[in-house]
């Protein structure tokens, strides 16, 4: 899927479901990754004891590390889960990437 087409599809997803509540900083990270050619592999809600937590998983590792005051970056490095994540703990949203 071409980058612009993927961004259009993401915009539809954002308007039509829980992604409409995605934190602005996480949205910037997500769009930046999509522009660099990363792809969304999976979107899920719930897990790890929290039914409302939104997870967006990207196919490849993040292209850059970004420091944002309201978002926590963490290296997971566990092949059973994922490589890295950015999490907005207040709004219960995570953008993570696989290896």
C-alpha atoms as a PDB file:
ATOM      1  CA  UNK A   1       0.000   0.000   0.000  1.00  0.00           C
ATOM      2  CA  UNK A   2       1.397   3.415  -0.920  1.00  0.00           C
ATOM      3  CA  UNK A   3       2.221   5.862   1.872  1.00  0.00           C
ATOM      4  CA  UNK A   4      -0.489   8.397   0.962  1.00  0.00           C
ATOM      5  CA  UNK A   5      -3.099   5.658   0.628  1.00  0.00           C
ATOM      6  CA  UNK A   6      -2.115   4.234   4.013  1.00  0.00           C
ATOM      7  CA  UNK A   7      -2.435   7.682   5.609  1.00  0.00           C
ATOM      8  CA  UNK A   8      -5.903   8.099   4.048  1.00  0.00           C
ATOM      9  CA  UNK A   9      -6.927   4.704   5.422  1.00  0.00           C
ATOM     10  CA  UNK A  10      -5.606   5.677   8.847  1.00  0.00           C
ATOM     11  CA  UNK A  11      -7.616   8.907   8.747  1.00  0.00           C
ATOM     12  CA  UNK A  12     -10.774   6.854   8.097  1.00  0.00           C
ATOM     13  CA  UNK A  13      -9.935   4.587  11.029  1.00  0.00           C
ATOM     14  CA  UNK A  14      -9.309   7.576  13.286  1.00  0.00           C
ATOM     15  CA  UNK A  15     -12.655   9.165  12.418  1.00  0.00           C
ATOM     16  CA  UNK A  16     -14.661   5.956  12.813  1.00  0.00           C
ATOM     17  CA  UNK A  17     -13.474   4.436  16.073  1.00  0.00           C
ATOM     18  CA  UNK A  18     -11.418   4.717  19.237  1.00  0.00           C
ATOM     19  CA  UNK A  19      -8.406   6.107  17.400  1.00  0.00           C
ATOM     20  CA  UNK A  20     -10.271   9.419  17.357  1.00  0.00           C
ATOM     21  CA  UNK A  21      -9.100   9.737  20.975  1.00  0.00           C
ATOM     22  CA  UNK A  22      -5.436   9.166  20.116  1.00  0.00           C
ATOM     23  CA  UNK A  23      -3.109  11.562  21.920  1.00  0.00           C
ATOM     24  CA  UNK A  24      -1.775  14.312  19.610  1.00  0.00           C
ATOM     25  CA  UNK A  25       1.849  13.438  20.370  1.00  0.00           C
ATOM     26  CA  UNK A  26       1.297   9.763  19.621  1.00  0.00           C
ATOM     27  CA  UNK A  27      -0.555  10.725  16.462  1.00  0.00           C
ATOM     28  CA  UNK A  28       2.497  12.738  15.343  1.00  0.00           C
ATOM     29  CA  UNK A  29       4.754   9.739  15.997  1.00  0.00           C
ATOM     30  CA  UNK A  30       2.381   7.453  14.105  1.00  0.00           C
ATOM     31  CA  UNK A  31       2.126   9.741  11.068  1.00  0.00           C
ATOM     32  CA  UNK A  32       5.891  10.247  11.051  1.00  0.00           C
ATOM     33  CA  UNK A  33       6.436   6.493  10.991  1.00  0.00           C
ATOM     34  CA  UNK A  34       3.906   6.002   8.199  1.00  0.00           C
ATOM     35  CA  UNK A  35       5.561   8.715   6.130  1.00  0.00           C
ATOM     36  CA  UNK A  36       8.878   6.893   6.559  1.00  0.00           C
ATOM     37  CA  UNK A  37       7.329   3.715   5.160  1.00  0.00           C
ATOM     38  CA  UNK A  38       6.441   1.850   8.339  1.00  0.00           C
ATOM     39  CA  UNK A  39       3.057   0.080   8.269  1.00  0.00           C
ATOM     40  CA  UNK A  40       0.367  -0.659  10.815  1.00  0.00           C
ATOM     41  CA  UNK A  41       0.320  -4.380  11.487  1.00  0.00           C
ATOM     42  CA  UNK A  42      -2.394  -4.473  14.141  1.00  0.00           C
ATOM     43  CA  UNK A  43      -4.746  -2.289  16.170  1.00  0.00           C
ATOM     44  CA  UNK A  44      -6.266  -3.657  19.358  1.00  0.00           C
ATOM     45  CA  UNK A  45      -8.048  -2.463  22.452  1.00  0.00           C
ATOM     46  CA  UNK A  46      -7.583  -4.091  25.839  1.00  0.00           C
ATOM     47  CA  UNK A  47      -4.897  -6.187  27.385  1.00  0.00           C
ATOM     48  CA  UNK A  48      -2.535  -6.299  30.316  1.00  0.00           C
ATOM     49  CA  UNK A  49      -5.407  -5.865  32.762  1.00  0.00           C
ATOM     50  CA  UNK A  50      -6.955  -2.810  31.094  1.00  0.00           C
ATOM     51  CA  UNK A  51      -9.963  -3.186  28.791  1.00  0.00           C
ATOM     52  CA  UNK A  52      -9.686   0.390  27.456  1.00  0.00           C
ATOM     53  CA  UNK A  53      -5.981   0.537  26.550  1.00  0.00           C
ATOM     54  CA  UNK A  54      -5.473   1.205  22.823  1.00  0.00           C
ATOM     55  CA  UNK A  55      -2.518  -0.496  21.113  1.00  0.00           C
ATOM     56  CA  UNK A  56      -1.244   0.312  17.625  1.00  0.00           C
ATOM     57  CA  UNK A  57       1.493  -2.026  16.413  1.00  0.00           C
ATOM     58  CA  UNK A  58       3.836  -1.127  13.577  1.00  0.00           C
ATOM     59  CA  UNK A  59       5.627  -3.624  11.353  1.00  0.00           C
ATOM     60  CA  UNK A  60       9.172  -2.335  11.756  1.00  0.00           C
ATOM     61  CA  UNK A  61      11.275  -0.633  14.446  1.00  0.00           C
ATOM     62  CA  UNK A  62      10.806   3.097  14.915  1.00  0.00           C
ATOM     63  CA  UNK A  63      12.811   5.204  12.474  1.00  0.00           C
ATOM     64  CA  UNK A  64      13.772   7.740  15.154  1.00  0.00           C
ATOM     65  CA  UNK A  65      13.559   8.265  18.897  1.00  0.00           C
ATOM     66  CA  UNK A  66      11.450  11.204  20.035  1.00  0.00           C
ATOM     67  CA  UNK A  67      11.345  12.710  23.516  1.00  0.00           C
ATOM     68  CA  UNK A  68       7.917  13.955  24.538  1.00  0.00           C
ATOM     69  CA  UNK A  69       7.052  15.070  28.054  1.00  0.00           C
ATOM     70  CA  UNK A  70       3.590  13.476  28.187  1.00  0.00           C
ATOM     71  CA  UNK A  71       4.617  10.194  26.563  1.00  0.00           C
ATOM     72  CA  UNK A  72       6.873   7.483  27.983  1.00  0.00           C
ATOM     73  CA  UNK A  73       9.327   5.714  25.658  1.00  0.00           C
ATOM     74  CA  UNK A  74      10.410   2.210  26.608  1.00  0.00           C
ATOM     75  CA  UNK A  75      12.551  -0.500  25.020  1.00  0.00           C
ATOM     76  CA  UNK A  76      10.814  -3.835  25.553  1.00  0.00           C
ATOM     77  CA  UNK A  77      13.141  -6.002  23.407  1.00  0.00           C
ATOM     78  CA  UNK A  78      11.144  -9.169  23.995  1.00  0.00           C
ATOM     79  CA  UNK A  79      10.432 -11.219  20.852  1.00  0.00           C
ATOM     80  CA  UNK A  80       7.296 -12.605  22.504  1.00  0.00           C
ATOM     81  CA  UNK A  81       5.882  -9.077  22.711  1.00  0.00           C
ATOM     82  CA  UNK A  82       7.529  -6.213  20.785  1.00  0.00           C
ATOM     83  CA  UNK A  83      10.694  -4.126  20.439  1.00  0.00           C
ATOM     84  CA  UNK A  84       9.797  -0.585  21.585  1.00  0.00           C
ATOM     85  CA  UNK A  85       6.823   1.503  22.595  1.00  0.00           C
ATOM     86  CA  UNK A  86       5.586   5.018  23.229  1.00  0.00           C
ATOM     87  CA  UNK A  87       2.818   5.121  25.833  1.00  0.00           C
ATOM     88  CA  UNK A  88       0.504   7.859  26.996  1.00  0.00           C
ATOM     89  CA  UNK A  89      -0.322   6.501  30.455  1.00  0.00           C
ATOM     90  CA  UNK A  90      -2.967   9.127  31.189  1.00  0.00           C
ATOM     91  CA  UNK A  91      -5.058   8.328  28.105  1.00  0.00           C
ATOM     92  CA  UNK A  92      -4.083   4.650  27.923  1.00  0.00           C
ATOM     93  CA  UNK A  93      -2.674   4.617  24.389  1.00  0.00           C
ATOM     94  CA  UNK A  94       0.416   2.845  23.078  1.00  0.00           C
ATOM     95  CA  UNK A  95       2.192   2.913  19.723  1.00  0.00           C
ATOM     96  CA  UNK A  96       4.567  -0.042  19.604  1.00  0.00           C
ATOM     97  CA  UNK A  97       6.777  -1.621  16.984  1.00  0.00           C
ATOM     98  CA  UNK A  98       7.922  -5.121  16.186  1.00  0.00           C
ATOM     99  CA  UNK A  99      11.482  -6.192  15.374  1.00  0.00           C
END
